[in-house]
Amino acid sequence: MDVEFHYYMTYLVAAKAGFGPEDAFTIAYACQYVDDNDMILEIDKGRASAYRNYISQTMNILKPKAKLFRIYPLFHFIPGDPGSPTAWRKDGKMHWLNTTPDSENANRIFDAALATEDLYRIGVACHAYADTWAHQNFVGYYEPFNAMDDPLDQVAPNIGHADAGHNPDWPGLVWQDRRLCKERVDNKATFLDAAEKMLRKLMRYTDSASGDSAVDEKAAGLRQDLDWAIGDRDQSNSFNEERIARYRRLSEQAEYGGRELEQYDGDLWLEEAINENVRGLRDRGDFTLARWDPLTDEYTWKDRQNYRQVPWYRFQEAVKGHQEESWRILSDTNLRGLDLAVW
């Protein structure tokens, strides 16, 4: 999934579940920022307030750092049930790290985040939980199990859904996964299922509706609204801006917070938190040559006394907490006894 689900739709789900606009925004921003948190930064290096973050995504999944493979199954490809009917393949293969939607592991990880009552942890867990739908039948590891059957896909490494490109991430796309017994993949239907399941999880946390019928009514309303917002089939993702405009229009309704959701700004939390002293080429820039710049940019806290209260820091602590808890859960289940070459 991309920003459409992880930020815009997640905001609508959280607001519908009973979170106020500010809290729904925090959950949604944290959910999407999991994908944008791809640089290790050292803040206030050499001072008592020094801090180093964990990343939750690599800059380019096609060129991952070998020691960072742990990122994928913990944040983007939670290992599920290898025998699930959704994972049945024509070649009969199964994989212990295969991602399956709404798996027991994903639910345990999500429930652990909800128990913390930390909105940032909840947002991070929303990302991993939702991705079990979009990333189903892919393994968060370098593995031939991920390979598609198109000869053109051979140029891409078999990591996650790299061979499938953006196919799993675009809400309006219908595509074929020829590895599966059931080849047709309708992303809209998949995303609506993910949104409904997430709503039901969050509503148990907010206790915003009494009785199953009230929950069912809210779930049906959410599906209807998101069905309208996603709109018609869009094979080239050409109408993403129109969809985003509809998500934002929904956010103005009272049941979705009653005010227009702001456009996603991936630099918001970081720039609120730190000063950036660029030395040479900007490390955080899009310029490719910056990766070979020998000069390292310097980062300092804007408010050294209260940096632990800013959203960027709290998100980074949530990433660390999610990684630790997810590792504990998966080490007792799907990862137990595995001997992986790179991790």
Protein backbone atom coordinates (compact mmCIF):
# COMPACT_ATOMS: atom_id res chain seq x y z
CA MET A 1 0.00 0.00 0.00
CA ASP A 2 1.08 3.59 -0.48
CA VAL A 3 0.11 6.96 0.97
CA GLU A 4 -3.49 6.64 -0.22
CA PHE A 5 -4.25 3.89 2.26
CA HIS A 6 -1.61 4.42 4.92
CA TYR A 7 -2.36 8.12 5.41
CA TYR A 8 -5.66 9.17 3.85
CA MET A 9 -7.75 6.04 4.32
CA THR A 10 -6.20 5.26 7.69
CA TYR A 11 -7.20 8.73 8.90
CA LEU A 12 -10.78 8.09 7.81
CA VAL A 13 -10.79 4.68 9.49
CA ALA A 14 -9.41 6.07 12.76
CA ALA A 15 -11.84 8.99 12.77
CA LYS A 16 -14.76 6.68 12.01
CA ALA A 17 -13.61 4.45 14.88
CA GLY A 18 -14.00 7.32 17.33
CA PHE A 19 -10.62 9.01 17.49
CA GLY A 20 -10.74 12.81 17.42
CA PRO A 21 -9.18 14.64 14.46
CA GLU A 22 -5.84 15.27 16.18
CA ASP A 23 -5.46 11.68 17.35
CA ALA A 24 -6.63 10.29 14.01
CA PHE A 25 -4.04 12.48 12.29
CA THR A 26 -1.27 11.19 14.58
CA ILE A 27 -2.22 7.58 13.85
CA ALA A 28 -2.45 8.19 10.10
CA TYR A 29 0.78 10.17 9.87
CA ALA A 30 2.68 7.54 11.88
CA CYS A 31 1.17 4.84 9.67
CA GLN A 32 2.48 6.44 6.48
CA TYR A 33 5.74 7.67 7.98
CA VAL A 34 6.81 4.05 8.43
CA ASP A 35 7.53 4.13 4.68
CA ASP A 36 9.31 7.50 4.78
CA ASN A 37 11.50 6.81 7.79
CA ASP A 38 14.42 5.53 5.71
CA MET A 39 17.47 7.42 7.02
CA ILE A 40 19.50 6.76 10.15
CA LEU A 41 20.12 10.14 11.75
CA GLU A 42 22.35 11.08 14.66
CA ILE A 43 20.96 14.08 16.51
CA ASP A 44 23.11 16.18 18.86
CA LYS A 45 26.08 13.90 18.33
CA GLY A 46 28.54 14.12 21.21
CA ARG A 47 26.08 15.78 23.58
CA ALA A 48 24.13 14.32 26.49
CA SER A 49 21.01 14.69 24.36
CA ALA A 50 22.47 12.54 21.54
CA TYR A 51 19.92 10.32 19.81
CA ARG A 52 20.02 7.78 16.99
CA ASN A 53 16.85 6.49 15.33
CA TYR A 54 15.93 3.15 13.80
CA ILE A 55 14.68 3.07 10.23
CA SER A 56 11.46 1.30 9.26
CA GLN A 57 12.04 1.27 5.50
CA THR A 58 15.06 1.23 3.20
CA MET A 59 15.51 3.96 0.61
CA ASN A 60 15.10 1.44 -2.18
CA ILE A 61 13.72 -2.05 -1.64
CA LEU A 62 15.57 -3.06 -4.83
CA LYS A 63 18.87 -2.25 -3.13
CA PRO A 64 18.40 -3.22 0.52
CA LYS A 65 21.22 -3.32 3.00
CA ALA A 66 21.78 -6.95 3.92
CA LYS A 67 21.75 -6.33 7.67
CA LEU A 68 18.41 -4.57 7.44
CA PHE A 69 16.31 -7.43 6.11
CA ARG A 70 14.61 -7.53 9.53
CA ILE A 71 12.72 -4.38 8.50
CA TYR A 72 10.55 -6.19 5.98
CA PRO A 73 8.88 -8.96 8.02
CA LEU A 74 8.51 -6.70 11.06
CA PHE A 75 7.00 -3.65 9.37
CA HIS A 76 5.78 -4.64 5.89
CA PHE A 77 5.50 -8.42 5.42
CA ILE A 78 4.39 -9.97 8.72
CA PRO A 79 4.71 -13.77 8.36
CA GLY A 80 1.29 -15.37 8.60
CA ASP A 81 -0.34 -18.76 7.99
CA PRO A 82 1.47 -20.68 5.20
CA GLY A 83 -1.54 -22.95 4.78
CA SER A 84 -4.13 -20.23 4.40
CA PRO A 85 -6.49 -20.71 1.39
CA THR A 86 -5.49 -17.21 0.22
CA ALA A 87 -1.94 -18.54 -0.21
CA TRP A 88 -2.70 -21.60 -2.32
CA ARG A 89 -0.38 -21.70 -5.31
CA LYS A 90 -0.38 -23.66 -8.54
CA ASP A 91 3.06 -25.08 -7.75
CA GLY A 92 1.90 -26.18 -4.29
CA LYS A 93 4.73 -24.32 -2.54
CA MET A 94 4.40 -22.85 0.93
CA HIS A 95 6.76 -20.61 2.86
CA TRP A 96 7.00 -20.10 6.58
CA LEU A 97 7.55 -16.34 6.09
CA ASN A 98 4.66 -15.84 3.66
CA THR A 99 2.42 -12.86 4.40
CA THR A 100 -1.28 -13.66 4.78
CA PRO A 101 -4.08 -11.19 5.56
CA ASP A 102 -5.33 -10.72 9.12
CA SER A 103 -3.02 -13.44 10.42
CA GLU A 104 -2.75 -14.40 14.07
CA ASN A 105 0.72 -12.85 14.24
CA ALA A 106 -0.53 -9.56 12.75
CA ASN A 107 -3.38 -9.46 15.24
CA ARG A 108 -1.08 -10.13 18.19
CA ILE A 109 1.25 -7.36 17.07
CA PHE A 110 -1.66 -4.94 16.58
CA ASP A 111 -3.21 -5.85 19.92
CA ALA A 112 0.12 -5.32 21.68
CA ALA A 113 0.30 -1.82 20.19
CA LEU A 114 -3.27 -1.02 21.26
CA ALA A 115 -2.44 -2.14 24.80
CA THR A 116 0.27 0.53 25.03
CA GLU A 117 -2.32 3.29 24.39
CA ASP A 118 0.45 5.04 22.44
CA LEU A 119 -0.98 6.62 19.27
CA TYR A 120 2.38 6.41 17.54
CA ARG A 121 2.69 2.68 18.24
CA ILE A 122 -0.89 2.21 17.06
CA GLY A 123 -0.07 4.04 13.82
CA VAL A 124 3.02 1.93 13.17
CA ALA A 125 1.03 -1.24 13.85
CA CYS A 126 -1.73 -0.05 11.50
CA HIS A 127 0.86 0.05 8.71
CA ALA A 128 2.10 -3.49 9.32
CA TYR A 129 -1.44 -4.83 9.81
CA ALA A 130 -2.84 -3.24 6.63
CA ASP A 131 0.11 -4.45 4.58
CA THR A 132 -0.83 -8.05 5.35
CA TRP A 133 -3.61 -7.55 2.80
CA ALA A 134 -1.69 -5.68 0.10
CA HIS A 135 1.47 -7.75 0.50
CA GLN A 136 -0.18 -11.13 0.87
CA ASN A 137 1.63 -14.01 -0.82
CA PHE A 138 4.99 -12.26 -0.70
CA VAL A 139 7.88 -12.90 1.67
CA GLY A 140 9.85 -10.06 3.25
CA TYR A 141 13.14 -11.65 2.35
CA TYR A 142 15.34 -12.39 -0.67
CA GLU A 143 13.52 -15.50 -1.81
CA PRO A 144 12.62 -17.14 -5.18
CA PHE A 145 9.17 -17.75 -3.68
CA ASN A 146 8.44 -14.10 -4.60
CA ALA A 147 9.34 -14.48 -8.28
CA MET A 148 6.70 -13.68 -10.87
CA ASP A 149 6.57 -15.54 -14.18
CA ASP A 150 7.14 -12.58 -16.54
CA PRO A 151 10.63 -12.76 -18.13
CA LEU A 152 10.90 -8.98 -17.73
CA ASP A 153 10.65 -9.44 -13.98
CA GLN A 154 13.96 -11.28 -13.89
CA VAL A 155 15.81 -7.96 -13.71
CA ALA A 156 14.35 -7.29 -10.27
CA PRO A 157 15.53 -9.13 -7.14
CA ASN A 158 13.04 -11.46 -5.48
CA ILE A 159 12.59 -9.28 -2.40
CA GLY A 160 9.03 -8.70 -1.20
CA HIS A 161 6.85 -7.63 -4.12
CA ALA A 162 9.72 -6.08 -6.13
CA ASP A 163 8.90 -8.35 -9.08
CA ALA A 164 5.27 -7.20 -9.00
CA GLY A 165 6.23 -3.52 -8.95
CA HIS A 166 3.43 -1.26 -7.74
CA ASN A 167 0.71 -3.79 -8.52
CA PRO A 168 -0.13 -4.55 -4.87
CA ASP A 169 -0.14 -0.87 -3.82
CA TRP A 170 -2.55 0.94 -6.17
CA PRO A 171 -6.16 1.02 -4.90
CA GLY A 172 -7.85 0.99 -8.31
CA LEU A 173 -5.80 -1.75 -9.94
CA VAL A 174 -6.98 -5.22 -10.93
CA TRP A 175 -4.09 -7.53 -11.82
CA GLN A 176 -3.10 -11.16 -12.18
CA ASP A 177 -0.83 -13.09 -9.83
CA ARG A 178 -0.24 -16.19 -11.92
CA ARG A 179 1.52 -17.97 -9.07
CA LEU A 180 -1.82 -18.39 -7.32
CA CYS A 181 -4.67 -20.82 -7.83
CA LYS A 182 -6.93 -17.77 -7.75
CA GLU A 183 -5.04 -15.44 -10.09
CA ARG A 184 -7.25 -12.36 -10.15
CA VAL A 185 -6.35 -9.72 -7.55
CA ASP A 186 -8.82 -6.85 -7.10
CA ASN A 187 -7.00 -4.24 -5.03
CA LYS A 188 -10.14 -2.25 -4.30
CA ALA A 189 -11.82 -5.24 -2.70
CA THR A 190 -8.63 -6.06 -0.83
CA PHE A 191 -8.24 -2.52 0.50
CA LEU A 192 -11.88 -2.35 1.58
CA ASP A 193 -11.45 -5.58 3.54
CA ALA A 194 -8.32 -4.19 5.22
CA ALA A 195 -10.08 -0.93 6.11
CA GLU A 196 -13.06 -2.73 7.61
CA LYS A 197 -10.91 -5.08 9.70
CA MET A 198 -8.82 -2.16 10.95
CA LEU A 199 -11.98 -0.25 11.87
CA ARG A 200 -13.30 -3.15 13.89
CA LYS A 201 -9.99 -3.46 15.75
CA LEU A 202 -9.84 0.24 16.53
CA MET A 203 -13.49 0.39 17.58
CA ARG A 204 -12.86 -2.24 20.22
CA TYR A 205 -10.17 0.09 21.54
CA THR A 206 -12.25 3.29 21.47
CA ASP A 207 -15.47 1.51 22.50
CA SER A 208 -17.27 3.97 20.24
CA ALA A 209 -20.24 1.73 19.48
CA SER A 210 -22.25 -0.57 21.69
CA GLY A 211 -23.32 -3.92 20.30
CA ASP A 212 -22.42 -5.86 17.19
CA SER A 213 -25.16 -4.25 15.11
CA ALA A 214 -23.74 -0.76 15.72
CA VAL A 215 -20.27 -1.94 14.73
CA ASP A 216 -21.64 -3.63 11.62
CA GLU A 217 -23.48 -0.44 10.68
CA LYS A 218 -20.33 1.64 10.97
CA ALA A 219 -18.33 -0.91 9.00
CA ALA A 220 -20.92 -0.94 6.22
CA GLY A 221 -20.91 2.85 6.10
CA LEU A 222 -17.13 2.95 5.89
CA ARG A 223 -17.05 0.43 3.06
CA GLN A 224 -19.68 2.37 1.13
CA ASP A 225 -17.83 5.66 1.54
CA LEU A 226 -14.42 4.25 0.62
CA ASP A 227 -15.94 2.39 -2.30
CA TRP A 228 -17.12 5.76 -3.61
CA ALA A 229 -13.81 7.48 -2.85
CA ILE A 230 -11.67 4.84 -4.58
CA GLY A 231 -14.02 4.94 -7.54
CA ASP A 232 -13.66 3.07 -10.79
CA ARG A 233 -10.93 0.74 -11.92
CA ASP A 234 -7.67 2.61 -12.58
CA GLN A 235 -5.00 0.42 -14.16
CA SER A 236 -2.36 3.16 -14.50
CA ASN A 237 -2.99 4.93 -11.19
CA SER A 238 -3.75 8.06 -13.21
CA PHE A 239 -6.58 9.23 -10.96
CA ASN A 240 -4.82 9.15 -7.60
CA GLU A 241 -5.16 12.91 -7.12
CA GLU A 242 -8.90 12.72 -7.72
CA ARG A 243 -9.15 9.92 -5.17
CA ILE A 244 -7.17 11.89 -2.60
CA ALA A 245 -9.52 14.84 -3.11
CA ARG A 246 -12.45 12.53 -2.34
CA TYR A 247 -10.79 11.19 0.83
CA ARG A 248 -10.27 14.76 1.99
CA ARG A 249 -13.89 15.60 1.17
CA LEU A 250 -15.03 12.70 3.34
CA SER A 251 -12.88 13.98 6.22
CA GLU A 252 -15.05 17.11 6.34
CA GLN A 253 -18.08 15.05 7.37
CA ALA A 254 -18.83 14.91 11.09
CA GLU A 255 -18.45 11.13 11.25
CA TYR A 256 -14.89 11.49 9.88
CA GLY A 257 -13.69 14.27 12.14
CA GLY A 258 -15.55 17.23 10.70
CA ARG A 259 -12.58 19.07 9.20
CA GLU A 260 -10.56 18.71 6.04
CA LEU A 261 -7.52 16.47 6.37
CA GLU A 262 -4.35 18.25 5.33
CA GLN A 263 -2.22 16.97 2.48
CA TYR A 264 0.49 14.59 3.57
CA ASP A 265 3.89 16.23 4.12
CA GLY A 266 6.60 13.64 4.70
CA ASP A 267 8.99 16.22 6.19
CA LEU A 268 6.58 17.70 8.73
CA TRP A 269 7.57 15.87 11.91
CA LEU A 270 11.30 15.83 11.21
CA GLU A 271 11.50 19.52 10.36
CA GLU A 272 9.51 20.38 13.48
CA ALA A 273 12.07 18.51 15.57
CA ILE A 274 15.57 19.20 14.23
CA ASN A 275 17.91 21.78 12.78
CA GLU A 276 19.80 20.63 9.70
CA ASN A 277 23.28 21.89 8.85
CA VAL A 278 24.01 20.81 5.27
CA ARG A 279 27.67 20.10 4.56
CA GLY A 280 28.38 19.52 0.89
CA LEU A 281 25.38 17.83 -0.75
CA ARG A 282 22.20 17.52 1.30
CA ASP A 283 22.05 13.97 2.71
CA ARG A 284 18.24 14.00 2.81
CA GLY A 285 17.93 15.26 -0.74
CA ASP A 286 16.89 13.33 -3.81
CA PHE A 287 20.20 13.95 -5.59
CA THR A 288 21.80 10.52 -6.18
CA LEU A 289 25.38 11.78 -5.84
CA ALA A 290 24.63 12.77 -2.24
CA ARG A 291 25.17 9.11 -1.30
CA TRP A 292 28.88 9.47 -2.14
CA ASP A 293 29.34 12.86 -0.52
CA PRO A 294 32.11 12.40 2.13
CA LEU A 295 30.72 15.25 4.23
CA THR A 296 27.97 14.28 6.67
CA ASP A 297 25.22 16.76 7.47
CA GLU A 298 24.82 17.75 11.11
CA TYR A 299 21.54 17.55 12.99
CA THR A 300 20.61 19.15 16.30
CA TRP A 301 17.43 19.35 18.32
CA LYS A 302 15.43 22.54 17.94
CA ASP A 303 14.30 22.24 21.57
CA ARG A 304 16.97 20.36 23.47
CA GLN A 305 15.05 20.53 26.73
CA ASN A 306 11.81 19.04 25.41
CA TYR A 307 12.78 16.94 22.41
CA ARG A 308 11.22 13.82 23.93
CA GLN A 309 7.77 15.39 23.54
CA VAL A 310 7.97 16.13 19.80
CA PRO A 311 6.13 13.78 17.38
CA TRP A 312 9.27 12.75 15.45
CA TYR A 313 10.99 11.47 18.60
CA ARG A 314 7.85 9.76 19.85
CA PHE A 315 7.41 8.09 16.47
CA GLN A 316 11.00 6.84 16.55
CA GLU A 317 10.50 5.36 20.00
CA ALA A 318 7.34 3.70 18.69
CA VAL A 319 9.35 2.15 15.84
CA LYS A 320 11.79 0.72 18.37
CA GLY A 321 8.95 -0.59 20.53
CA HIS A 322 7.18 -2.14 17.55
CA GLN A 323 10.37 -3.82 16.38
CA GLU A 324 11.09 -5.28 19.81
CA GLU A 325 7.55 -6.57 20.38
CA SER A 326 7.15 -7.92 16.84
CA TRP A 327 10.48 -9.71 17.07
CA ARG A 328 9.42 -11.29 20.36
CA ILE A 329 6.11 -12.49 18.91
CA LEU A 330 7.57 -13.81 15.66
CA SER A 331 10.53 -15.46 17.39
CA ASP A 332 8.03 -17.66 19.21
CA THR A 333 6.12 -18.51 16.03
CA ASN A 334 7.19 -18.28 12.38
CA LEU A 335 10.82 -17.30 12.98
CA ARG A 336 11.42 -19.98 15.58
CA GLY A 337 14.27 -22.27 14.61
CA LEU A 338 14.94 -20.57 11.27
CA ASP A 339 18.55 -20.09 10.20
CA LEU A 340 18.52 -17.22 7.69
CA ALA A 341 21.66 -16.36 5.76
CA VAL A 342 21.31 -12.60 6.09
CA TRP A 343 19.24 -10.83 8.68
